Amino acid sequence: MRATVWGWIHDPAYQTSALVAEEGGRLVGLAHYRPFARPLSASTGGFLDDLFVDPAARGGGAAEALIGAIAEEGRAKGWTVIRWITAEDNYRARALYDRLAEKTRWATYDLKL
């Protein structure tokens, strides 16, 4: 799995990108994101697929910095939204997300293939 995702990040033909957060020269966070089509608004958005911050560095601003950097890149590319999902019980992260973004009313479903 890691090798596949690493390959996507480094393949210019693939749409997955990544950003890292460092603190004192130490890697403390990582985010994967990509564009997605929004046919009902004839626009493009950005989807934050994964955001991880080292538990020892949580609360230090890395997550907010990563989301901010993705938003900045999205604005530069003309994206209309940055979207992500999280677990209902991910309370610590949701406290940040509730401050930065609007919680939607949409429920998420997966059809396993």
Protein backbone atom coordinates (compact mmCIF):
# COMPACT_ATOMS: atom_id res chain seq x y z
CA MET A 1 0.00 0.00 0.00
CA ARG A 2 2.71 2.52 0.98
CA ALA A 3 4.69 1.83 -2.20
CA THR A 4 1.59 2.32 -4.34
CA VAL A 5 0.67 5.64 -2.73
CA TRP A 6 4.29 6.81 -2.86
CA GLY A 7 4.25 5.99 -6.58
CA TRP A 8 1.06 7.99 -7.10
CA ILE A 9 2.54 11.01 -5.33
CA HIS A 10 5.64 10.96 -7.55
CA ASP A 11 3.83 10.22 -10.83
CA PRO A 12 2.99 13.51 -12.58
CA ALA A 13 0.28 11.70 -14.56
CA TYR A 14 -1.51 10.73 -11.33
CA GLN A 15 -3.61 13.28 -9.47
CA THR A 16 -2.65 12.46 -5.87
CA SER A 17 -0.37 15.01 -4.20
CA ALA A 18 1.10 15.24 -0.70
CA LEU A 19 2.35 17.86 1.71
CA VAL A 20 4.31 17.42 4.91
CA ALA A 21 4.56 19.42 8.11
CA GLU A 22 7.88 19.73 9.89
CA GLU A 23 8.71 20.93 13.35
CA GLY A 24 12.33 21.59 14.21
CA GLY A 25 13.46 19.66 11.13
CA ARG A 26 11.39 16.64 12.16
CA LEU A 27 8.49 15.31 10.06
CA VAL A 28 5.32 15.60 12.18
CA GLY A 29 2.48 15.50 9.66
CA LEU A 30 1.42 14.32 6.23
CA ALA A 31 -1.60 15.02 4.02
CA HIS A 32 -2.68 13.39 0.74
CA TYR A 33 -5.10 15.27 -1.51
CA ARG A 34 -6.36 15.41 -5.10
CA PRO A 35 -8.72 17.31 -7.37
CA PHE A 36 -12.22 16.02 -8.06
CA ALA A 37 -14.86 17.04 -10.59
CA ARG A 38 -18.03 18.76 -9.34
CA PRO A 39 -20.47 18.28 -12.24
CA LEU A 40 -23.46 19.97 -10.54
CA SER A 41 -21.50 23.21 -10.21
CA ALA A 42 -19.29 22.74 -13.30
CA SER A 43 -16.24 23.23 -11.12
CA THR A 44 -13.31 21.40 -9.56
CA GLY A 45 -12.79 20.81 -5.86
CA GLY A 46 -10.01 19.33 -3.80
CA PHE A 47 -10.44 16.19 -1.72
CA LEU A 48 -8.28 15.71 1.36
CA ASP A 49 -7.91 11.93 1.44
CA ASP A 50 -5.75 11.57 4.50
CA LEU A 51 -4.34 13.80 7.20
CA PHE A 52 -2.01 12.39 9.82
CA VAL A 53 -0.14 14.20 12.58
CA ASP A 54 2.23 12.41 14.94
CA PRO A 55 0.37 12.01 18.26
CA ALA A 56 3.26 13.72 20.09
CA ALA A 57 2.83 16.81 17.87
CA ARG A 58 -0.97 17.06 17.94
CA GLY A 59 -2.31 20.40 19.07
CA GLY A 60 0.78 22.19 17.78
CA GLY A 61 -0.75 23.57 14.58
CA ALA A 62 0.50 21.02 12.03
CA ALA A 63 -2.98 19.88 10.96
CA GLU A 64 -4.22 23.44 10.54
CA ALA A 65 -1.08 24.35 8.58
CA LEU A 66 -1.53 21.38 6.25
CA ILE A 67 -5.19 22.17 5.60
CA GLY A 68 -4.27 25.82 5.06
CA ALA A 69 -1.57 24.90 2.54
CA ILE A 70 -3.99 22.68 0.62
CA ALA A 71 -6.57 25.48 0.61
CA GLU A 72 -3.94 27.92 -0.68
CA GLU A 73 -3.02 25.53 -3.48
CA GLY A 74 -6.70 24.98 -4.25
CA ARG A 75 -7.30 28.71 -4.54
CA ALA A 76 -4.33 29.00 -6.92
CA LYS A 77 -5.82 26.20 -9.06
CA GLY A 78 -9.33 27.67 -9.03
CA TRP A 79 -10.88 24.94 -6.89
CA THR A 80 -14.21 25.85 -5.33
CA VAL A 81 -14.01 23.71 -2.17
CA ILE A 82 -11.74 21.46 -0.13
CA ARG A 83 -13.69 18.44 1.13
CA TRP A 84 -12.85 15.65 3.54
CA ILE A 85 -14.51 13.05 5.72
CA THR A 86 -13.70 11.87 9.22
CA ALA A 87 -15.05 9.38 11.70
CA GLU A 88 -18.00 10.53 13.79
CA ASP A 89 -16.02 9.74 16.96
CA ASN A 90 -12.85 11.58 15.88
CA TYR A 91 -13.61 14.30 18.43
CA ARG A 92 -10.19 15.89 18.70
CA ALA A 93 -9.81 16.36 14.95
CA ARG A 94 -13.44 17.41 14.59
CA ALA A 95 -12.88 20.26 17.06
CA LEU A 96 -10.34 21.68 14.59
CA TYR A 97 -12.45 20.87 11.53
CA ASP A 98 -15.51 22.55 13.06
CA ARG A 99 -13.43 25.70 13.50
CA LEU A 100 -11.99 25.67 9.96
CA ALA A 101 -14.83 24.42 7.78
CA GLU A 102 -18.56 23.84 7.56
CA LYS A 103 -19.87 20.39 8.48
CA THR A 104 -22.16 19.20 5.71
CA ARG A 105 -25.42 17.34 6.07
CA TRP A 106 -24.33 14.52 3.77
CA ALA A 107 -23.92 10.93 4.95
CA THR A 108 -21.20 8.88 3.26
CA TYR A 109 -21.75 5.38 1.83
CA ASP A 110 -19.28 2.81 0.46
CA LEU A 111 -20.27 0.13 -2.02
CA LYS A 112 -17.49 -2.46 -1.75
CA LEU A 113 -16.30 -3.83 -5.09
